[in-house]
N, C-alpha and C. Protein backbone atom coordinates (compact mmCIF):
# COMPACT_ATOMS: atom_id res chain seq x y z
N MET A 1 -72.59 -21.26 -22.22
CA MET A 1 -71.40 -20.89 -21.47
C MET A 1 -71.61 -19.51 -20.86
N ARG A 2 -71.03 -19.30 -19.68
CA ARG A 2 -71.12 -18.02 -19.00
C ARG A 2 -69.71 -17.47 -18.79
N ALA A 3 -69.43 -16.33 -19.43
CA ALA A 3 -68.13 -15.66 -19.28
C ALA A 3 -68.19 -14.76 -18.05
N ILE A 4 -67.22 -14.91 -17.15
CA ILE A 4 -67.18 -14.06 -15.97
C ILE A 4 -66.01 -13.07 -15.99
N ARG A 5 -65.07 -13.28 -16.91
CA ARG A 5 -63.93 -12.37 -17.06
C ARG A 5 -63.36 -12.58 -18.45
N ILE A 6 -63.12 -11.49 -19.15
CA ILE A 6 -62.53 -11.55 -20.49
C ILE A 6 -61.32 -10.65 -20.52
N MET A 7 -60.20 -11.18 -21.01
CA MET A 7 -58.99 -10.36 -21.06
C MET A 7 -58.24 -10.58 -22.37
N PRO A 8 -57.63 -9.51 -22.89
CA PRO A 8 -56.82 -9.66 -24.10
C PRO A 8 -55.49 -10.32 -23.78
N ASN A 9 -55.01 -11.12 -24.70
CA ASN A 9 -53.67 -11.72 -24.62
C ASN A 9 -52.83 -11.05 -25.70
N LEU A 10 -51.91 -10.22 -25.30
CA LEU A 10 -51.07 -9.51 -26.27
C LEU A 10 -49.77 -10.27 -26.48
N ARG A 11 -49.49 -10.57 -27.71
CA ARG A 11 -48.26 -11.27 -28.08
C ARG A 11 -47.09 -10.30 -27.98
N VAL A 12 -46.07 -10.68 -27.19
CA VAL A 12 -44.86 -9.88 -27.04
C VAL A 12 -43.66 -10.81 -27.20
N ASP A 13 -42.53 -10.25 -27.59
CA ASP A 13 -41.31 -11.06 -27.70
C ASP A 13 -40.70 -11.37 -26.34
N ASP A 14 -40.86 -10.43 -25.39
CA ASP A 14 -40.23 -10.55 -24.08
C ASP A 14 -41.11 -9.85 -23.05
N VAL A 15 -41.66 -10.60 -22.11
CA VAL A 15 -42.56 -10.04 -21.10
C VAL A 15 -41.85 -8.95 -20.31
N GLU A 16 -40.64 -9.22 -19.84
CA GLU A 16 -39.93 -8.24 -19.01
C GLU A 16 -39.66 -6.95 -19.76
N ALA A 17 -39.31 -7.05 -21.03
CA ALA A 17 -39.03 -5.86 -21.83
C ALA A 17 -40.30 -5.05 -22.11
N ALA A 18 -41.43 -5.74 -22.21
CA ALA A 18 -42.69 -5.07 -22.56
C ALA A 18 -43.44 -4.51 -21.36
N LYS A 19 -43.24 -5.08 -20.18
CA LYS A 19 -44.12 -4.75 -19.06
C LYS A 19 -44.03 -3.30 -18.60
N GLY A 20 -42.92 -2.63 -18.77
CA GLY A 20 -42.79 -1.23 -18.35
C GLY A 20 -43.81 -0.32 -18.99
N PHE A 21 -44.08 -0.52 -20.26
CA PHE A 21 -45.07 0.29 -20.96
C PHE A 21 -46.45 0.10 -20.35
N TYR A 22 -46.82 -1.14 -20.10
CA TYR A 22 -48.16 -1.46 -19.60
C TYR A 22 -48.31 -1.11 -18.12
N THR A 23 -47.26 -1.31 -17.33
CA THR A 23 -47.36 -1.01 -15.91
C THR A 23 -47.14 0.46 -15.62
N GLY A 24 -46.22 1.09 -16.32
CA GLY A 24 -45.92 2.49 -16.08
C GLY A 24 -46.83 3.43 -16.83
N PHE A 25 -46.70 3.44 -18.13
CA PHE A 25 -47.45 4.38 -18.96
C PHE A 25 -48.96 4.15 -18.88
N LEU A 26 -49.40 2.89 -18.98
CA LEU A 26 -50.83 2.61 -18.96
C LEU A 26 -51.41 2.45 -17.56
N GLY A 27 -50.55 2.37 -16.55
CA GLY A 27 -51.02 2.32 -15.16
C GLY A 27 -51.54 0.96 -14.70
N LEU A 28 -51.20 -0.10 -15.42
CA LEU A 28 -51.61 -1.44 -15.00
C LEU A 28 -50.54 -1.98 -14.05
N SER A 29 -50.49 -1.38 -12.87
CA SER A 29 -49.34 -1.54 -11.98
C SER A 29 -49.35 -2.79 -11.12
N THR A 30 -50.46 -3.51 -11.05
CA THR A 30 -50.50 -4.72 -10.24
C THR A 30 -50.16 -5.93 -11.11
N GLU A 31 -49.09 -6.61 -10.75
CA GLU A 31 -48.71 -7.84 -11.45
C GLU A 31 -49.40 -8.99 -10.73
N GLU A 32 -50.45 -9.54 -11.35
CA GLU A 32 -51.18 -10.64 -10.73
C GLU A 32 -50.35 -11.92 -10.71
N PHE A 33 -49.63 -12.16 -11.79
CA PHE A 33 -48.68 -13.27 -11.85
C PHE A 33 -47.74 -13.03 -13.01
N ASN A 34 -46.59 -13.70 -12.97
CA ASN A 34 -45.61 -13.64 -14.06
C ASN A 34 -44.90 -14.98 -14.09
N MET A 35 -45.17 -15.75 -15.14
CA MET A 35 -44.57 -17.06 -15.29
C MET A 35 -43.45 -17.04 -16.32
N GLY A 36 -43.00 -15.86 -16.71
CA GLY A 36 -41.94 -15.74 -17.70
C GLY A 36 -42.47 -15.70 -19.12
N TRP A 37 -43.35 -16.62 -19.48
CA TRP A 37 -43.94 -16.66 -20.82
C TRP A 37 -45.31 -16.00 -20.87
N VAL A 38 -45.92 -15.80 -19.72
CA VAL A 38 -47.21 -15.11 -19.62
C VAL A 38 -47.25 -14.34 -18.29
N ALA A 39 -47.79 -13.13 -18.34
CA ALA A 39 -47.93 -12.31 -17.14
C ALA A 39 -49.21 -11.50 -17.27
N ARG A 40 -49.85 -11.25 -16.12
CA ARG A 40 -51.09 -10.46 -16.11
C ARG A 40 -50.89 -9.21 -15.28
N TYR A 41 -51.34 -8.07 -15.85
CA TYR A 41 -51.23 -6.78 -15.19
C TYR A 41 -52.59 -6.11 -15.15
N THR A 42 -52.90 -5.52 -14.00
CA THR A 42 -54.18 -4.85 -13.82
C THR A 42 -53.99 -3.48 -13.19
N SER A 43 -55.01 -2.66 -13.33
CA SER A 43 -55.05 -1.37 -12.66
C SER A 43 -55.81 -1.54 -11.36
N PRO A 44 -55.20 -1.20 -10.23
CA PRO A 44 -55.92 -1.33 -8.96
C PRO A 44 -57.10 -0.36 -8.85
N GLU A 45 -57.05 0.73 -9.59
CA GLU A 45 -58.13 1.72 -9.54
C GLU A 45 -59.31 1.36 -10.43
N THR A 46 -59.04 0.83 -11.61
CA THR A 46 -60.12 0.63 -12.59
C THR A 46 -60.44 -0.82 -12.89
N GLY A 47 -59.53 -1.72 -12.59
CA GLY A 47 -59.73 -3.12 -12.94
C GLY A 47 -59.37 -3.44 -14.38
N ALA A 48 -58.89 -2.46 -15.15
CA ALA A 48 -58.43 -2.72 -16.51
C ALA A 48 -57.35 -3.80 -16.46
N ILE A 49 -57.29 -4.62 -17.51
CA ILE A 49 -56.44 -5.81 -17.45
C ILE A 49 -55.84 -6.13 -18.81
N VAL A 50 -54.64 -6.71 -18.78
CA VAL A 50 -54.01 -7.23 -19.99
C VAL A 50 -53.10 -8.40 -19.61
N GLN A 51 -53.01 -9.37 -20.50
CA GLN A 51 -52.03 -10.43 -20.35
C GLN A 51 -51.01 -10.30 -21.46
N LEU A 52 -49.75 -10.41 -21.11
CA LEU A 52 -48.66 -10.41 -22.08
C LEU A 52 -48.20 -11.86 -22.24
N VAL A 53 -48.09 -12.32 -23.48
CA VAL A 53 -47.78 -13.72 -23.75
C VAL A 53 -46.68 -13.79 -24.81
N THR A 54 -45.62 -14.55 -24.52
CA THR A 54 -44.58 -14.76 -25.52
C THR A 54 -44.95 -15.93 -26.43
N ARG A 55 -45.37 -17.04 -25.85
CA ARG A 55 -45.76 -18.24 -26.59
C ARG A 55 -46.41 -19.18 -25.61
N ASP A 56 -47.60 -19.66 -25.93
CA ASP A 56 -48.30 -20.59 -25.04
C ASP A 56 -47.43 -21.82 -24.81
N GLN A 57 -47.35 -22.26 -23.58
CA GLN A 57 -46.47 -23.37 -23.22
C GLN A 57 -46.97 -24.74 -23.65
N THR A 58 -48.28 -24.93 -23.80
CA THR A 58 -48.78 -26.27 -24.11
C THR A 58 -49.68 -26.34 -25.34
N SER A 59 -50.21 -25.23 -25.78
CA SER A 59 -51.09 -25.23 -26.94
C SER A 59 -50.28 -25.03 -28.22
N PRO A 60 -50.71 -25.64 -29.32
CA PRO A 60 -50.01 -25.43 -30.58
C PRO A 60 -50.22 -24.03 -31.16
N GLU A 61 -51.23 -23.30 -30.66
CA GLU A 61 -51.50 -21.95 -31.13
C GLU A 61 -51.73 -21.04 -29.93
N ASP A 62 -51.45 -19.76 -30.12
CA ASP A 62 -51.69 -18.77 -29.08
C ASP A 62 -53.12 -18.25 -29.17
N ALA A 63 -53.69 -17.90 -28.03
CA ALA A 63 -55.04 -17.35 -27.98
C ALA A 63 -54.99 -15.83 -28.01
N ALA A 64 -55.95 -15.23 -28.68
CA ALA A 64 -56.06 -13.77 -28.73
C ALA A 64 -56.69 -13.22 -27.46
N ILE A 65 -57.61 -13.99 -26.87
CA ILE A 65 -58.26 -13.59 -25.62
C ILE A 65 -58.40 -14.80 -24.72
N SER A 66 -58.54 -14.52 -23.42
CA SER A 66 -58.85 -15.56 -22.44
C SER A 66 -60.20 -15.24 -21.82
N ILE A 67 -61.04 -16.25 -21.72
CA ILE A 67 -62.37 -16.13 -21.15
C ILE A 67 -62.43 -17.04 -19.93
N HIS A 68 -62.68 -16.45 -18.77
CA HIS A 68 -62.86 -17.25 -17.55
C HIS A 68 -64.32 -17.62 -17.41
N THR A 69 -64.57 -18.87 -17.03
CA THR A 69 -65.92 -19.37 -16.83
C THR A 69 -65.94 -20.25 -15.59
N PRO A 70 -67.05 -20.29 -14.87
CA PRO A 70 -67.12 -21.15 -13.68
C PRO A 70 -67.28 -22.63 -14.00
N ASP A 71 -67.65 -22.98 -15.24
CA ASP A 71 -67.85 -24.39 -15.61
C ASP A 71 -67.19 -24.68 -16.95
N VAL A 72 -65.88 -24.89 -16.91
CA VAL A 72 -65.12 -25.11 -18.14
C VAL A 72 -65.51 -26.43 -18.81
N GLU A 73 -65.90 -27.43 -18.03
CA GLU A 73 -66.30 -28.71 -18.62
C GLU A 73 -67.56 -28.53 -19.46
N ALA A 74 -68.54 -27.79 -18.95
CA ALA A 74 -69.77 -27.54 -19.70
C ALA A 74 -69.47 -26.72 -20.95
N ALA A 75 -68.56 -25.75 -20.84
CA ALA A 75 -68.19 -24.95 -22.00
C ALA A 75 -67.54 -25.82 -23.07
N TYR A 76 -66.70 -26.76 -22.65
CA TYR A 76 -66.04 -27.68 -23.58
C TYR A 76 -67.07 -28.55 -24.30
N ALA A 77 -68.01 -29.09 -23.53
CA ALA A 77 -69.05 -29.93 -24.11
C ALA A 77 -69.89 -29.13 -25.12
N GLU A 78 -70.19 -27.88 -24.78
CA GLU A 78 -70.98 -27.04 -25.67
C GLU A 78 -70.21 -26.72 -26.96
N ALA A 79 -68.92 -26.41 -26.83
CA ALA A 79 -68.10 -26.13 -28.01
C ALA A 79 -68.06 -27.33 -28.93
N GLN A 80 -67.93 -28.52 -28.35
CA GLN A 80 -67.92 -29.74 -29.17
C GLN A 80 -69.29 -29.96 -29.83
N ARG A 81 -70.36 -29.78 -29.07
CA ARG A 81 -71.71 -29.97 -29.60
C ARG A 81 -71.98 -29.04 -30.78
N LEU A 82 -71.46 -27.81 -30.68
CA LEU A 82 -71.66 -26.83 -31.73
C LEU A 82 -70.72 -27.01 -32.92
N GLY A 83 -69.77 -27.94 -32.79
CA GLY A 83 -68.88 -28.26 -33.89
C GLY A 83 -67.70 -27.32 -34.07
N TYR A 84 -67.37 -26.56 -33.03
CA TYR A 84 -66.22 -25.66 -33.13
C TYR A 84 -64.92 -26.45 -33.07
N GLU A 85 -63.92 -25.95 -33.76
CA GLU A 85 -62.61 -26.61 -33.77
C GLU A 85 -61.93 -26.43 -32.42
N ILE A 86 -61.58 -27.53 -31.80
CA ILE A 86 -60.83 -27.51 -30.54
C ILE A 86 -59.35 -27.48 -30.92
N VAL A 87 -58.67 -26.40 -30.55
CA VAL A 87 -57.25 -26.22 -30.88
C VAL A 87 -56.37 -26.92 -29.86
N HIS A 88 -56.80 -26.92 -28.59
CA HIS A 88 -56.07 -27.56 -27.49
C HIS A 88 -57.14 -28.20 -26.59
N PRO A 89 -57.05 -29.51 -26.34
CA PRO A 89 -58.12 -30.19 -25.61
C PRO A 89 -58.22 -29.75 -24.15
N LEU A 90 -59.34 -30.10 -23.55
CA LEU A 90 -59.56 -29.81 -22.14
C LEU A 90 -58.44 -30.44 -21.32
N THR A 91 -57.72 -29.60 -20.60
CA THR A 91 -56.51 -30.01 -19.89
C THR A 91 -56.42 -29.28 -18.55
N THR A 92 -55.98 -29.98 -17.52
CA THR A 92 -55.59 -29.31 -16.29
C THR A 92 -54.10 -29.08 -16.39
N GLU A 93 -53.73 -27.81 -16.50
CA GLU A 93 -52.32 -27.45 -16.71
C GLU A 93 -51.56 -27.49 -15.39
N GLU A 94 -50.25 -27.66 -15.49
CA GLU A 94 -49.42 -27.77 -14.28
C GLU A 94 -49.45 -26.50 -13.43
N TRP A 95 -49.84 -25.36 -14.01
CA TRP A 95 -49.91 -24.12 -13.25
C TRP A 95 -51.29 -23.91 -12.62
N GLY A 96 -52.16 -24.94 -12.68
CA GLY A 96 -53.38 -24.94 -11.88
C GLY A 96 -54.67 -24.49 -12.55
N VAL A 97 -54.67 -24.28 -13.86
CA VAL A 97 -55.92 -23.93 -14.52
C VAL A 97 -56.43 -25.11 -15.32
N HIS A 98 -57.73 -25.14 -15.48
CA HIS A 98 -58.41 -26.15 -16.29
C HIS A 98 -58.88 -25.38 -17.52
N ARG A 99 -58.45 -25.79 -18.73
CA ARG A 99 -58.73 -24.97 -19.90
C ARG A 99 -58.75 -25.78 -21.18
N PHE A 100 -59.27 -25.12 -22.21
CA PHE A 100 -59.15 -25.61 -23.58
C PHE A 100 -59.11 -24.38 -24.48
N LEU A 101 -58.60 -24.56 -25.69
CA LEU A 101 -58.58 -23.49 -26.68
C LEU A 101 -59.46 -23.90 -27.84
N VAL A 102 -60.26 -22.95 -28.30
CA VAL A 102 -61.23 -23.19 -29.36
C VAL A 102 -61.08 -22.10 -30.42
N ARG A 103 -61.33 -22.47 -31.66
CA ARG A 103 -61.27 -21.48 -32.75
C ARG A 103 -62.68 -20.96 -33.03
N ALA A 104 -62.85 -19.65 -32.93
CA ALA A 104 -64.11 -19.02 -33.29
C ALA A 104 -64.30 -19.11 -34.81
N PRO A 105 -65.53 -19.00 -35.28
CA PRO A 105 -65.76 -19.08 -36.73
C PRO A 105 -64.96 -18.06 -37.55
N ASP A 106 -64.57 -16.93 -36.93
CA ASP A 106 -63.77 -15.92 -37.65
C ASP A 106 -62.28 -16.25 -37.66
N GLY A 107 -61.89 -17.36 -37.02
CA GLY A 107 -60.49 -17.77 -36.99
C GLY A 107 -59.76 -17.42 -35.71
N THR A 108 -60.34 -16.60 -34.86
CA THR A 108 -59.70 -16.20 -33.61
C THR A 108 -59.62 -17.38 -32.66
N VAL A 109 -58.44 -17.59 -32.06
CA VAL A 109 -58.27 -18.65 -31.07
C VAL A 109 -58.57 -18.06 -29.70
N VAL A 110 -59.44 -18.75 -28.95
CA VAL A 110 -59.92 -18.29 -27.65
C VAL A 110 -59.55 -19.31 -26.59
N ASN A 111 -58.95 -18.84 -25.50
CA ASN A 111 -58.59 -19.66 -24.35
C ASN A 111 -59.77 -19.63 -23.38
N ILE A 112 -60.41 -20.77 -23.15
CA ILE A 112 -61.52 -20.87 -22.19
C ILE A 112 -60.94 -21.51 -20.94
N VAL A 113 -61.03 -20.81 -19.82
CA VAL A 113 -60.28 -21.22 -18.62
C VAL A 113 -61.13 -21.14 -17.36
N GLY A 114 -60.85 -22.08 -16.47
CA GLY A 114 -61.42 -22.08 -15.13
C GLY A 114 -60.31 -22.46 -14.17
N HIS A 115 -60.52 -22.19 -12.90
CA HIS A 115 -59.53 -22.55 -11.89
C HIS A 115 -60.03 -23.75 -11.10
N ASP A 116 -59.17 -24.72 -10.89
CA ASP A 116 -59.54 -25.88 -10.08
C ASP A 116 -59.75 -25.42 -8.66
N SER A 117 -60.74 -26.02 -8.02
CA SER A 117 -61.05 -25.66 -6.63
C SER A 117 -60.15 -26.41 -5.68
């Protein structure tokens, strides 16, 4: 698998209530998207990034990080071949990403994601 972008997913109770700290104090002033339950903020100067997540909409567990890859199908096949626990199967979500969630051997849930062309 080839990771092209890695971002933390921070669990928050309320995206709107939390975003001021990250956008103002930390300077992550660009809101890439906000779906109410998940939002991504970046710094236009540095590229620093964070996602705020209240609760994953389709997975039974929340991911600690999201990893973007250009070939999510190959990553899924590799995770299965290696015997990793698939927490959420390979799915094209209604918001346009192709993803699955996998549990790392240390117990961390990881969101592996690609964008449909």
